[in-house]
Every structure is written in C-alpha cells, then in structure tokens.
C-alpha cells in the first residue's frame, strides 16, 4: 500500500469513527428522553405506601404512645372525626409536651415527622412511654404543618415539594383523606423500576 492509499484509508477510518461517535450522543439522548418520559408518567399512587397508620385528633397521649409503640413507628398523620388530614404527630411532639421545661419550636426547619423515612424504628420507640397521665389530646400537641400531595401528583411535583420543604416524606391525600405516604426511598425505588422497564 503506497502513501496515498494509506492516507485515504486513514481518512476513511477516521470518518467512520466520527460517524459512529456522532451516533453516541443521539443514542444517549434518545435514552435520556425515553427515561424522562417514564419518570414523567410516575405518580404518587404508583410509589406510595398504602397502609398508613393514622391517629384521631381527639386521642389521648396514652393512646397515641400505645399506637406508636405497638406499631413501632415514630409518628403518624392526624385525622379529624371525618378522616380529614389535620396535622402530624411524632415522638418528639410527645416528649416536648411531657417535658417540664418549655421549649421553643424552631420554625426554620420542618417538623420531625417529615424528616425520617416511613420505616419502623424499633430502638427509638421500644422504651417510649408517658410517665404521668395527662388530659392533653393529640390535637393539643400535633404539628398542623402539612406536606401533602394528591395521589395523582407527578414525580416532579413530589420532588419539588420535598426539596422546597426540605422533607423526606409526604402524605398522599385524596379529597383530604389520607391514602398513602411517599418517602424519598419510594421515589428512588420508582425511578429504579422505571429504568429497568
């Protein structure tokens, strides 16, 4: 092969490599576009935990502690007599209410209920109790701040609500009724499942 043939062969090879390389971004771009479409279809009802333990706003603190310890959870959504979401309550709220010293609630961070995942935390609730009988009810100690989305909320809406509120879980509602909980872990599981479809 003479020098001209070598040059033509090298140019042809380089041109083929450029053509292949120009396909790579298109293939990657198509894959990203396809993934975005799958994520856009993801709704709260696709990823939420459906068996949500709620507590009535007129329950006593002893009843609340009983539910939290029996179910091994650190908090629950609070509902009124009609089942409408009115707030959240956590072990922190109980501890704060039974404390002899007054505490200031920090308004610059979300309530503890929203900062944890939805998984039971055995060590935290196993020895939790109320030492003295109180006439306070859940409505007296609950946090009325609600981070919720509808069951038809998109992935983007759920993510925006979590990021905007700096929280890790959202209560899913349908016409004010609690129908589920979505955590950051649920969103990640949903993404992973969509990536493998």
N, C-alpha and C. Protein backbone atom coordinates (compact mmCIF):
# COMPACT_ATOMS: atom_id res chain seq x y z
N UNK A 1 0.85 -1.16 0.00
CA UNK A 1 0.00 0.00 0.00
C UNK A 1 0.90 1.23 0.00
N UNK A 2 0.68 2.12 -0.98
CA UNK A 2 1.50 3.31 -1.03
C UNK A 2 0.97 4.38 -0.08
N UNK A 3 1.68 5.49 0.02
CA UNK A 3 1.35 6.55 0.98
C UNK A 3 -0.01 7.16 0.71
N UNK A 4 -0.42 7.28 -0.54
CA UNK A 4 -1.72 7.86 -0.87
C UNK A 4 -2.83 6.92 -0.39
N UNK A 5 -2.65 5.62 -0.67
CA UNK A 5 -3.65 4.64 -0.22
C UNK A 5 -3.75 4.64 1.31
N UNK A 6 -2.61 4.75 2.00
CA UNK A 6 -2.62 4.78 3.47
C UNK A 6 -3.37 6.01 3.98
N UNK A 7 -3.14 7.15 3.31
CA UNK A 7 -3.82 8.38 3.72
C UNK A 7 -5.33 8.27 3.52
N UNK A 8 -5.74 7.71 2.38
CA UNK A 8 -7.16 7.54 2.10
C UNK A 8 -7.77 6.58 3.11
N UNK A 9 -7.08 5.50 3.39
CA UNK A 9 -7.58 4.51 4.35
C UNK A 9 -7.69 5.14 5.74
N UNK A 10 -6.70 5.91 6.15
CA UNK A 10 -6.73 6.56 7.46
C UNK A 10 -7.87 7.58 7.53
N UNK A 11 -8.03 8.35 6.44
CA UNK A 11 -9.12 9.34 6.41
C UNK A 11 -10.47 8.65 6.48
N UNK A 12 -10.63 7.55 5.74
CA UNK A 12 -11.89 6.81 5.71
C UNK A 12 -12.19 6.22 7.08
N UNK A 13 -11.17 5.67 7.72
CA UNK A 13 -11.34 5.11 9.07
C UNK A 13 -11.73 6.20 10.06
N UNK A 14 -11.06 7.35 10.00
CA UNK A 14 -11.37 8.48 10.89
C UNK A 14 -12.78 8.97 10.65
N UNK A 15 -13.18 9.03 9.38
CA UNK A 15 -14.54 9.49 9.05
C UNK A 15 -15.58 8.52 9.62
N UNK A 16 -15.33 7.22 9.50
CA UNK A 16 -16.25 6.22 10.07
C UNK A 16 -16.33 6.35 11.59
N UNK A 17 -15.19 6.60 12.23
CA UNK A 17 -15.18 6.77 13.69
C UNK A 17 -15.97 8.01 14.09
N UNK A 18 -15.81 9.10 13.30
CA UNK A 18 -16.57 10.32 13.58
C UNK A 18 -18.07 10.07 13.44
N UNK A 19 -18.44 9.30 12.41
CA UNK A 19 -19.87 9.00 12.19
C UNK A 19 -20.40 8.18 13.36
N UNK A 20 -19.63 7.18 13.82
CA UNK A 20 -20.06 6.37 14.97
C UNK A 20 -20.15 7.23 16.23
N UNK A 21 -19.17 8.09 16.42
CA UNK A 21 -19.16 8.95 17.61
C UNK A 21 -20.35 9.90 17.59
N UNK A 22 -20.73 10.37 16.40
CA UNK A 22 -21.87 11.29 16.34
C UNK A 22 -23.18 10.56 16.65
N UNK A 23 -23.21 9.24 16.49
CA UNK A 23 -24.40 8.47 16.85
C UNK A 23 -24.54 8.30 18.36
N UNK A 24 -23.41 8.23 19.06
CA UNK A 24 -23.45 8.01 20.51
C UNK A 24 -24.28 9.05 21.25
N UNK A 25 -24.08 10.35 21.02
CA UNK A 25 -24.92 11.32 21.73
C UNK A 25 -26.39 11.15 21.38
N UNK A 26 -26.69 10.80 20.13
CA UNK A 26 -28.08 10.61 19.74
C UNK A 26 -28.68 9.43 20.50
N UNK A 27 -27.95 8.32 20.58
CA UNK A 27 -28.44 7.15 21.31
C UNK A 27 -28.60 7.51 22.77
N UNK A 28 -27.62 8.17 23.38
CA UNK A 28 -27.72 8.60 24.78
C UNK A 28 -28.85 9.58 24.97
N UNK A 29 -29.01 10.48 24.02
CA UNK A 29 -30.07 11.48 24.08
C UNK A 29 -31.44 10.81 23.99
N UNK A 30 -31.56 9.82 23.10
CA UNK A 30 -32.82 9.09 22.98
C UNK A 30 -33.14 8.35 24.28
N UNK A 31 -32.14 7.74 24.86
CA UNK A 31 -32.32 7.01 26.12
C UNK A 31 -32.75 7.96 27.24
N UNK A 32 -32.12 9.14 27.31
CA UNK A 32 -32.50 10.13 28.32
C UNK A 32 -33.93 10.61 28.10
N UNK A 33 -34.28 10.86 26.83
CA UNK A 33 -35.64 11.30 26.51
C UNK A 33 -36.66 10.23 26.91
N UNK A 34 -36.33 8.98 26.62
CA UNK A 34 -37.22 7.86 26.97
C UNK A 34 -37.36 7.77 28.50
N UNK A 35 -36.26 7.92 29.20
CA UNK A 35 -36.28 7.86 30.67
C UNK A 35 -37.11 9.01 31.25
N UNK A 36 -36.93 10.22 30.70
CA UNK A 36 -37.72 11.37 31.15
C UNK A 36 -39.21 11.12 30.98
N UNK A 37 -39.57 10.49 29.88
CA UNK A 37 -40.98 10.16 29.63
C UNK A 37 -41.51 9.19 30.66
N UNK A 38 -40.71 8.19 31.01
CA UNK A 38 -41.12 7.21 32.01
C UNK A 38 -41.27 7.87 33.38
N UNK A 39 -40.34 8.74 33.72
CA UNK A 39 -40.39 9.44 35.01
C UNK A 39 -41.58 10.38 35.05
N UNK A 40 -41.87 11.04 33.94
CA UNK A 40 -43.00 11.98 33.89
C UNK A 40 -44.32 11.26 34.14
N UNK A 41 -44.38 9.97 33.79
CA UNK A 41 -45.61 9.19 33.99
C UNK A 41 -45.77 8.72 35.43
N UNK A 42 -44.71 8.74 36.21
CA UNK A 42 -44.73 8.24 37.59
C UNK A 42 -45.56 9.15 38.49
N UNK A 43 -46.54 8.58 39.20
CA UNK A 43 -47.39 9.37 40.10
C UNK A 43 -47.28 8.86 41.52
N UNK A 44 -47.81 9.62 42.45
CA UNK A 44 -47.76 9.24 43.86
C UNK A 44 -48.42 7.89 44.09
N UNK A 45 -49.53 7.63 43.42
CA UNK A 45 -50.22 6.35 43.66
C UNK A 45 -49.41 5.16 43.15
N UNK A 46 -48.43 5.40 42.25
CA UNK A 46 -47.56 4.33 41.77
C UNK A 46 -46.51 3.91 42.79
N UNK A 47 -46.09 4.85 43.64
CA UNK A 47 -44.96 4.57 44.54
C UNK A 47 -45.29 4.63 46.02
N UNK A 48 -46.48 5.08 46.37
CA UNK A 48 -46.81 5.31 47.79
C UNK A 48 -46.99 4.00 48.57
N UNK A 49 -46.79 4.11 49.87
CA UNK A 49 -47.13 3.04 50.80
C UNK A 49 -48.59 3.28 51.15
N UNK A 50 -49.41 2.27 50.98
CA UNK A 50 -50.85 2.44 51.14
C UNK A 50 -51.37 2.21 52.56
N UNK A 51 -50.77 1.34 53.30
CA UNK A 51 -51.24 1.02 54.65
C UNK A 51 -50.71 2.04 55.64
N UNK A 52 -51.41 3.16 55.74
CA UNK A 52 -50.96 4.26 56.59
C UNK A 52 -51.67 4.19 57.94
N UNK A 53 -50.89 4.26 58.98
CA UNK A 53 -51.45 4.29 60.33
C UNK A 53 -51.71 5.74 60.68
N UNK A 54 -52.96 6.06 60.98
CA UNK A 54 -53.33 7.42 61.37
C UNK A 54 -53.78 7.41 62.82
N UNK A 55 -53.84 8.59 63.40
CA UNK A 55 -54.32 8.74 64.78
C UNK A 55 -55.39 9.83 64.79
N UNK A 56 -56.43 9.61 65.56
CA UNK A 56 -57.51 10.60 65.69
C UNK A 56 -57.02 11.79 66.51
N UNK A 57 -57.46 12.99 66.13
CA UNK A 57 -57.04 14.20 66.83
C UNK A 57 -57.52 14.24 68.28
N UNK A 58 -58.59 13.50 68.61
CA UNK A 58 -59.10 13.51 69.98
C UNK A 58 -58.61 12.32 70.81
N UNK A 59 -57.59 11.61 70.31
CA UNK A 59 -56.98 10.52 71.08
C UNK A 59 -56.15 11.11 72.22
N UNK A 60 -56.05 10.38 73.32
CA UNK A 60 -55.22 10.82 74.45
C UNK A 60 -53.75 10.55 74.14
N UNK A 61 -52.87 11.16 74.93
CA UNK A 61 -51.44 10.91 74.74
C UNK A 61 -51.11 9.45 74.99
N UNK A 62 -51.76 8.84 75.98
CA UNK A 62 -51.51 7.42 76.26
C UNK A 62 -51.91 6.56 75.07
N UNK A 63 -53.05 6.88 74.46
CA UNK A 63 -53.47 6.13 73.27
C UNK A 63 -52.47 6.32 72.14
N UNK A 64 -52.00 7.55 71.96
CA UNK A 64 -51.01 7.84 70.92
C UNK A 64 -49.74 7.03 71.14
N UNK A 65 -49.22 7.07 72.35
CA UNK A 65 -47.99 6.33 72.66
C UNK A 65 -48.21 4.84 72.43
N UNK A 66 -49.41 4.33 72.81
CA UNK A 66 -49.72 2.93 72.57
C UNK A 66 -49.64 2.57 71.08
N UNK A 67 -50.21 3.43 70.23
CA UNK A 67 -50.18 3.18 68.78
C UNK A 67 -48.74 3.23 68.27
N UNK A 68 -48.00 4.25 68.68
CA UNK A 68 -46.62 4.39 68.20
C UNK A 68 -45.76 3.20 68.61
N UNK A 69 -45.88 2.77 69.86
CA UNK A 69 -45.04 1.65 70.33
C UNK A 69 -45.52 0.31 69.78
N UNK A 70 -46.83 0.10 69.72
CA UNK A 70 -47.34 -1.16 69.17
C UNK A 70 -46.96 -1.34 67.70
N UNK A 71 -47.01 -0.24 66.95
CA UNK A 71 -46.71 -0.30 65.51
C UNK A 71 -45.24 -0.04 65.20
N UNK A 72 -44.46 0.30 66.23
CA UNK A 72 -43.04 0.57 66.08
C UNK A 72 -42.77 1.67 65.05
N UNK A 73 -43.50 2.78 65.18
CA UNK A 73 -43.31 3.92 64.30
C UNK A 73 -43.03 5.16 65.15
N UNK A 74 -42.47 6.18 64.54
CA UNK A 74 -42.10 7.39 65.28
C UNK A 74 -43.06 8.54 65.07
N UNK A 75 -44.07 8.35 64.24
CA UNK A 75 -45.03 9.41 64.00
C UNK A 75 -46.17 8.92 63.14
N UNK A 76 -47.20 9.76 63.05
CA UNK A 76 -48.37 9.40 62.24
C UNK A 76 -49.13 10.64 61.83
N UNK A 77 -49.83 10.55 60.70
CA UNK A 77 -50.73 11.64 60.32
C UNK A 77 -51.90 11.69 61.31
N UNK A 78 -52.39 12.89 61.56
CA UNK A 78 -53.53 13.09 62.47
C UNK A 78 -54.76 13.43 61.63
N UNK A 79 -55.87 12.75 61.94
CA UNK A 79 -57.11 12.98 61.20
C UNK A 79 -58.22 13.39 62.16
N UNK A 80 -59.22 14.11 61.62
CA UNK A 80 -60.37 14.50 62.43
C UNK A 80 -61.43 13.39 62.39
N UNK A 81 -62.58 13.64 62.97
CA UNK A 81 -63.65 12.66 63.02
C UNK A 81 -64.16 12.21 61.66
N UNK A 82 -63.93 13.03 60.64
CA UNK A 82 -64.35 12.68 59.28
C UNK A 82 -63.23 12.04 58.47
N UNK A 83 -62.08 11.81 59.12
CA UNK A 83 -60.95 11.22 58.43
C UNK A 83 -60.12 12.20 57.62
N UNK A 84 -60.39 13.51 57.78
CA UNK A 84 -59.65 14.54 57.04
C UNK A 84 -58.32 14.82 57.74
N UNK A 85 -57.27 14.92 56.95
CA UNK A 85 -55.93 15.21 57.46
C UNK A 85 -55.89 16.60 58.10
N UNK A 86 -55.44 16.67 59.37
CA UNK A 86 -55.36 17.97 60.05
C UNK A 86 -53.96 18.27 60.59
N UNK A 87 -53.04 17.31 60.52
CA UNK A 87 -51.69 17.54 61.02
C UNK A 87 -50.90 16.26 61.11
N UNK A 88 -49.79 16.34 61.81
CA UNK A 88 -48.94 15.17 62.06
C UNK A 88 -48.48 15.21 63.52
N UNK A 89 -48.13 14.05 64.04
CA UNK A 89 -47.62 13.99 65.41
C UNK A 89 -46.48 12.98 65.45
N UNK A 90 -45.48 13.26 66.28
CA UNK A 90 -44.32 12.38 66.37
C UNK A 90 -43.92 12.19 67.83
N UNK A 91 -42.99 11.29 68.04
CA UNK A 91 -42.48 11.07 69.39
C UNK A 91 -41.86 12.35 69.95
N UNK A 92 -41.30 13.16 69.10
CA UNK A 92 -40.73 14.45 69.53
C UNK A 92 -41.82 15.35 70.11
N UNK A 93 -43.00 15.37 69.48
CA UNK A 93 -44.11 16.17 69.99
C UNK A 93 -44.54 15.68 71.37
N UNK A 94 -44.58 14.36 71.56
CA UNK A 94 -44.96 13.79 72.86
C UNK A 94 -43.93 14.17 73.90
N UNK A 95 -42.65 14.00 73.57
CA UNK A 95 -41.58 14.33 74.51
C UNK A 95 -41.62 15.82 74.87
N UNK A 96 -41.84 16.64 73.89
CA UNK A 96 -41.90 18.09 74.11
C UNK A 96 -43.08 18.44 75.03
N UNK A 97 -44.21 17.77 74.84
CA UNK A 97 -45.40 18.10 75.64
C UNK A 97 -45.30 17.61 77.07
N UNK A 98 -44.56 16.53 77.30
CA UNK A 98 -44.45 15.99 78.66
C UNK A 98 -43.24 16.54 79.40
N UNK A 99 -42.43 17.31 78.70
CA UNK A 99 -41.25 17.92 79.32
C UNK A 99 -41.68 19.00 80.30
N UNK A 100 -41.02 19.08 81.45
CA UNK A 100 -41.36 20.10 82.46
C UNK A 100 -40.89 21.49 82.03
N UNK A 101 -39.85 21.55 81.21
CA UNK A 101 -39.36 22.86 80.77
C UNK A 101 -40.03 23.22 79.46
N UNK A 102 -40.21 24.48 79.24
CA UNK A 102 -40.82 24.88 77.97
C UNK A 102 -39.75 24.90 76.89
N UNK A 103 -40.14 24.55 75.70
CA UNK A 103 -39.19 24.54 74.59
C UNK A 103 -39.75 25.41 73.48
N UNK A 104 -38.84 26.00 72.76
CA UNK A 104 -39.25 26.80 71.60
C UNK A 104 -39.22 25.92 70.37
N UNK A 105 -40.28 25.96 69.61
CA UNK A 105 -40.33 25.20 68.37
C UNK A 105 -39.60 26.01 67.31
N UNK A 106 -38.65 25.36 66.66
CA UNK A 106 -37.91 26.04 65.60
C UNK A 106 -38.77 26.13 64.36
N UNK A 107 -38.97 27.30 63.85
CA UNK A 107 -39.77 27.50 62.65
C UNK A 107 -38.93 27.43 61.38
N UNK A 108 -37.60 27.34 61.52
CA UNK A 108 -36.75 27.33 60.34
C UNK A 108 -36.47 25.92 59.83
N UNK A 109 -37.04 24.91 60.49
CA UNK A 109 -36.89 23.55 59.97
C UNK A 109 -38.21 22.81 60.07
N UNK A 110 -38.44 21.85 59.18
CA UNK A 110 -39.72 21.13 59.17
C UNK A 110 -39.88 20.26 60.42
N UNK A 111 -41.13 19.90 60.76
CA UNK A 111 -41.37 19.01 61.89
C UNK A 111 -40.67 17.67 61.69
N UNK A 112 -40.26 17.04 62.81
CA UNK A 112 -39.54 15.77 62.75
C UNK A 112 -40.26 14.69 61.95
N UNK A 113 -41.58 14.70 61.97
CA UNK A 113 -42.34 13.68 61.25
C UNK A 113 -41.90 13.57 59.80
N UNK A 114 -41.60 14.69 59.17
CA UNK A 114 -41.28 14.70 57.75
C UNK A 114 -39.81 14.42 57.44
N UNK A 115 -38.97 14.40 58.47
CA UNK A 115 -37.54 14.28 58.24
C UNK A 115 -37.05 12.84 58.17
N UNK A 116 -37.84 11.89 58.60
CA UNK A 116 -37.43 10.50 58.62
C UNK A 116 -38.16 9.73 57.54
N UNK A 117 -37.66 8.52 57.25
CA UNK A 117 -38.35 7.63 56.33
C UNK A 117 -39.58 7.07 57.00
N UNK A 118 -40.29 6.21 56.33
CA UNK A 118 -41.53 5.66 56.86
C UNK A 118 -41.30 4.30 57.51
N UNK A 119 -40.07 3.84 57.52
CA UNK A 119 -39.78 2.55 58.06
C UNK A 119 -39.87 2.57 59.59
N UNK A 120 -40.36 1.46 60.20
CA UNK A 120 -40.41 1.39 61.66
C UNK A 120 -39.01 1.51 62.25
N UNK A 121 -38.90 2.17 63.40
CA UNK A 121 -37.61 2.33 64.06
C UNK A 121 -37.75 1.75 65.47
N UNK A 122 -37.41 0.48 65.60
CA UNK A 122 -37.63 -0.25 66.83
C UNK A 122 -36.96 0.38 68.05
N UNK A 123 -35.66 0.66 67.96
CA UNK A 123 -34.93 1.17 69.12
C UNK A 123 -35.49 2.47 69.66
N UNK A 124 -35.96 3.32 68.75
CA UNK A 124 -36.44 4.63 69.15
C UNK A 124 -37.77 4.58 69.90
N UNK A 125 -38.61 3.61 69.59
CA UNK A 125 -39.94 3.58 70.19
C UNK A 125 -40.14 2.47 71.22
N UNK A 126 -39.23 1.52 71.28
CA UNK A 126 -39.41 0.39 72.18
C UNK A 126 -39.64 0.82 73.63
N UNK A 127 -38.84 1.75 74.12
CA UNK A 127 -38.95 2.14 75.53
C UNK A 127 -39.69 3.46 75.71
N UNK A 128 -40.40 3.89 74.71
CA UNK A 128 -41.09 5.17 74.75
C UNK A 128 -42.36 5.05 75.58
N UNK A 129 -42.57 5.97 76.51
CA UNK A 129 -43.79 5.94 77.33
C UNK A 129 -44.06 7.33 77.89
N UNK A 130 -45.28 7.50 78.39
CA UNK A 130 -45.66 8.73 79.07
C UNK A 130 -45.75 8.38 80.55
N UNK A 131 -44.96 9.06 81.36
CA UNK A 131 -44.86 8.74 82.79
C UNK A 131 -46.10 9.11 83.58
N UNK A 132 -46.69 10.24 83.27
CA UNK A 132 -47.83 10.68 84.05
C UNK A 132 -49.05 10.87 83.16
N UNK A 133 -50.21 10.64 83.74
CA UNK A 133 -51.45 10.79 82.99
C UNK A 133 -51.66 12.27 82.65
N UNK A 134 -52.07 12.53 81.45
CA UNK A 134 -52.26 13.91 81.01
C UNK A 134 -53.65 14.03 80.41
N UNK A 135 -54.23 15.21 80.54
CA UNK A 135 -55.53 15.42 79.92
C UNK A 135 -55.37 16.00 78.51
N UNK A 136 -54.14 16.10 78.06
CA UNK A 136 -53.90 16.60 76.71
C UNK A 136 -54.32 15.56 75.68
N UNK A 137 -54.73 16.07 74.54
CA UNK A 137 -55.10 15.20 73.43
C UNK A 137 -54.12 15.43 72.29
N UNK A 138 -54.18 14.56 71.32
CA UNK A 138 -53.28 14.66 70.17
C UNK A 138 -53.39 16.04 69.53
N UNK A 139 -54.60 16.58 69.40
CA UNK A 139 -54.77 17.89 68.77
C UNK A 139 -53.99 18.99 69.49
N UNK A 140 -53.73 18.80 70.81
CA UNK A 140 -53.01 19.79 71.60
C UNK A 140 -51.51 19.79 71.33
N UNK A 141 -50.98 18.69 70.87
CA UNK A 141 -49.52 18.60 70.69
C UNK A 141 -49.09 18.41 69.24
N UNK A 142 -50.05 18.12 68.37
CA UNK A 142 -49.70 17.84 66.97
C UNK A 142 -49.13 19.07 66.28
N UNK A 143 -48.48 18.83 65.17
CA UNK A 143 -47.98 19.90 64.33
C UNK A 143 -48.96 20.07 63.18
N UNK A 144 -49.54 21.26 63.03
CA UNK A 144 -50.52 21.45 61.95
C UNK A 144 -49.90 21.65 60.57
N UNK A 145 -48.58 21.67 60.51
CA UNK A 145 -47.90 21.84 59.22
C UNK A 145 -48.06 20.55 58.42
N UNK A 146 -48.57 20.68 57.22
CA UNK A 146 -48.84 19.50 56.39
C UNK A 146 -48.09 19.61 55.07
N UNK A 147 -47.28 18.60 54.78
CA UNK A 147 -46.64 18.47 53.48
C UNK A 147 -47.35 17.32 52.79
N UNK A 148 -48.23 17.64 51.87
CA UNK A 148 -49.01 16.60 51.21
C UNK A 148 -49.08 16.83 49.72
N UNK A 149 -49.41 15.75 49.02
CA UNK A 149 -49.63 15.79 47.57
C UNK A 149 -50.85 14.93 47.27
N UNK A 150 -51.46 15.17 46.13
CA UNK A 150 -52.58 14.32 45.72
C UNK A 150 -52.02 13.00 45.19
N UNK A 151 -52.86 12.00 45.11
CA UNK A 151 -52.39 10.70 44.62
C UNK A 151 -52.03 10.75 43.15
N UNK A 152 -52.45 11.80 42.45
CA UNK A 152 -52.09 11.96 41.03
C UNK A 152 -50.89 12.88 40.83
N UNK A 153 -50.24 13.28 41.91
CA UNK A 153 -49.06 14.16 41.80
C UNK A 153 -47.98 13.46 40.98
N UNK A 154 -47.33 14.22 40.12
CA UNK A 154 -46.25 13.67 39.30
C UNK A 154 -44.97 13.56 40.10
N UNK A 155 -44.00 12.86 39.52
CA UNK A 155 -42.69 12.75 40.14
C UNK A 155 -42.11 14.14 40.40
N UNK A 156 -42.21 15.02 39.41
CA UNK A 156 -41.66 16.37 39.55
C UNK A 156 -42.34 17.13 40.69
N UNK A 157 -43.66 17.01 40.80
CA UNK A 157 -44.38 17.69 41.88
C UNK A 157 -43.97 17.17 43.25
N UNK A 158 -43.81 15.85 43.35
CA UNK A 158 -43.38 15.27 44.64
C UNK A 158 -41.97 15.72 44.98
N UNK A 159 -41.08 15.66 44.00
CA UNK A 159 -39.69 16.08 44.24
C UNK A 159 -39.62 17.56 44.61
N UNK A 160 -40.37 18.39 43.90
CA UNK A 160 -40.38 19.83 44.20
C UNK A 160 -40.89 20.10 45.61
N UNK A 161 -41.93 19.39 46.03
CA UNK A 161 -42.49 19.58 47.38
C UNK A 161 -41.48 19.15 48.43
N UNK A 162 -40.80 18.03 48.20
CA UNK A 162 -39.78 17.57 49.15
C UNK A 162 -38.61 18.54 49.24
N UNK A 163 -38.13 18.96 48.09
CA UNK A 163 -36.99 19.89 48.07
C UNK A 163 -37.39 21.23 48.67
N UNK A 164 -38.53 21.75 48.27
CA UNK A 164 -38.99 23.04 48.78
C UNK A 164 -39.23 23.05 50.28
N UNK A 165 -39.74 21.94 50.80
CA UNK A 165 -39.99 21.85 52.24
C UNK A 165 -38.84 21.27 53.03
N UNK A 166 -37.80 20.80 52.30
CA UNK A 166 -36.65 20.15 52.93
C UNK A 166 -37.10 18.98 53.80
N UNK A 167 -37.96 18.12 53.20
CA UNK A 167 -38.52 16.97 53.91
C UNK A 167 -38.25 15.69 53.13
N UNK A 168 -38.43 14.56 53.81
CA UNK A 168 -38.16 13.25 53.22
C UNK A 168 -39.40 12.39 53.06
N UNK A 169 -40.54 12.90 53.50
CA UNK A 169 -41.78 12.14 53.30
C UNK A 169 -42.95 13.09 53.11
N UNK A 170 -43.91 12.62 52.34
CA UNK A 170 -45.11 13.38 52.04
C UNK A 170 -46.33 12.52 52.32
N UNK A 171 -47.39 13.15 52.78
CA UNK A 171 -48.65 12.44 52.96
C UNK A 171 -49.43 12.57 51.66
N UNK A 172 -49.94 11.45 51.19
CA UNK A 172 -50.71 11.43 49.94
C UNK A 172 -52.19 11.45 50.31
N UNK A 173 -52.92 12.37 49.70
CA UNK A 173 -54.35 12.52 50.02
C UNK A 173 -55.22 12.43 48.78
N UNK A 174 -56.47 12.10 49.03
CA UNK A 174 -57.50 12.12 48.00
C UNK A 174 -58.70 12.79 48.64
N UNK A 175 -59.02 14.01 48.20
CA UNK A 175 -60.10 14.80 48.77
C UNK A 175 -59.95 14.96 50.28
N UNK A 176 -58.73 15.22 50.73
CA UNK A 176 -58.45 15.47 52.15
C UNK A 176 -58.26 14.23 52.99
N UNK A 177 -58.53 13.05 52.44
CA UNK A 177 -58.39 11.79 53.17
C UNK A 177 -56.99 11.22 52.91
N UNK A 178 -56.37 10.68 53.96
CA UNK A 178 -55.04 10.08 53.83
C UNK A 178 -55.17 8.74 53.10
N UNK A 179 -54.43 8.61 52.00
CA UNK A 179 -54.45 7.36 51.24
C UNK A 179 -53.06 6.73 51.11
N UNK A 180 -52.02 7.46 51.52
CA UNK A 180 -50.68 6.89 51.42
C UNK A 180 -49.61 7.82 51.95
N UNK A 181 -48.40 7.31 51.92
CA UNK A 181 -47.19 8.06 52.30
C UNK A 181 -46.17 7.82 51.19
N UNK A 182 -45.45 8.86 50.80
CA UNK A 182 -44.35 8.73 49.84
C UNK A 182 -43.09 9.25 50.51
N UNK A 183 -42.04 8.43 50.48
CA UNK A 183 -40.75 8.84 51.02
C UNK A 183 -39.75 9.02 49.87
N UNK A 184 -38.61 9.59 50.19
CA UNK A 184 -37.56 9.72 49.18
C UNK A 184 -37.14 8.33 48.69
N UNK A 185 -37.13 7.36 49.58
CA UNK A 185 -36.78 5.99 49.19
C UNK A 185 -37.80 5.43 48.20
N UNK A 186 -39.08 5.73 48.40
CA UNK A 186 -40.11 5.29 47.45
C UNK A 186 -39.86 5.89 46.07
N UNK A 187 -39.48 7.17 46.03
CA UNK A 187 -39.19 7.81 44.74
C UNK A 187 -38.01 7.14 44.04
N UNK A 188 -36.97 6.83 44.81
CA UNK A 188 -35.81 6.16 44.22
C UNK A 188 -36.17 4.78 43.70
N UNK A 189 -36.99 4.04 44.47
CA UNK A 189 -37.43 2.72 44.00
C UNK A 189 -38.24 2.85 42.71
N UNK A 190 -39.10 3.87 42.63
CA UNK A 190 -39.87 4.10 41.43
C UNK A 190 -39.00 4.41 40.23
N UNK A 191 -37.98 5.24 40.44
CA UNK A 191 -37.03 5.56 39.36
C UNK A 191 -36.31 4.32 38.88
N UNK A 192 -35.84 3.53 39.84
CA UNK A 192 -35.09 2.32 39.51
C UNK A 192 -35.97 1.36 38.70
N UNK A 193 -37.21 1.19 39.14
CA UNK A 193 -38.12 0.29 38.44
C UNK A 193 -38.37 0.78 37.01
N UNK A 194 -38.52 2.10 36.84
CA UNK A 194 -38.76 2.65 35.51
C UNK A 194 -37.54 2.52 34.62
N UNK A 195 -36.36 2.58 35.20
CA UNK A 195 -35.12 2.49 34.42
C UNK A 195 -34.95 1.10 33.83
N UNK A 196 -35.52 0.09 34.49
CA UNK A 196 -35.36 -1.29 34.01
C UNK A 196 -36.52 -1.77 33.17
N UNK A 197 -37.49 -0.91 32.89
CA UNK A 197 -38.64 -1.32 32.08
C UNK A 197 -38.27 -1.28 30.61
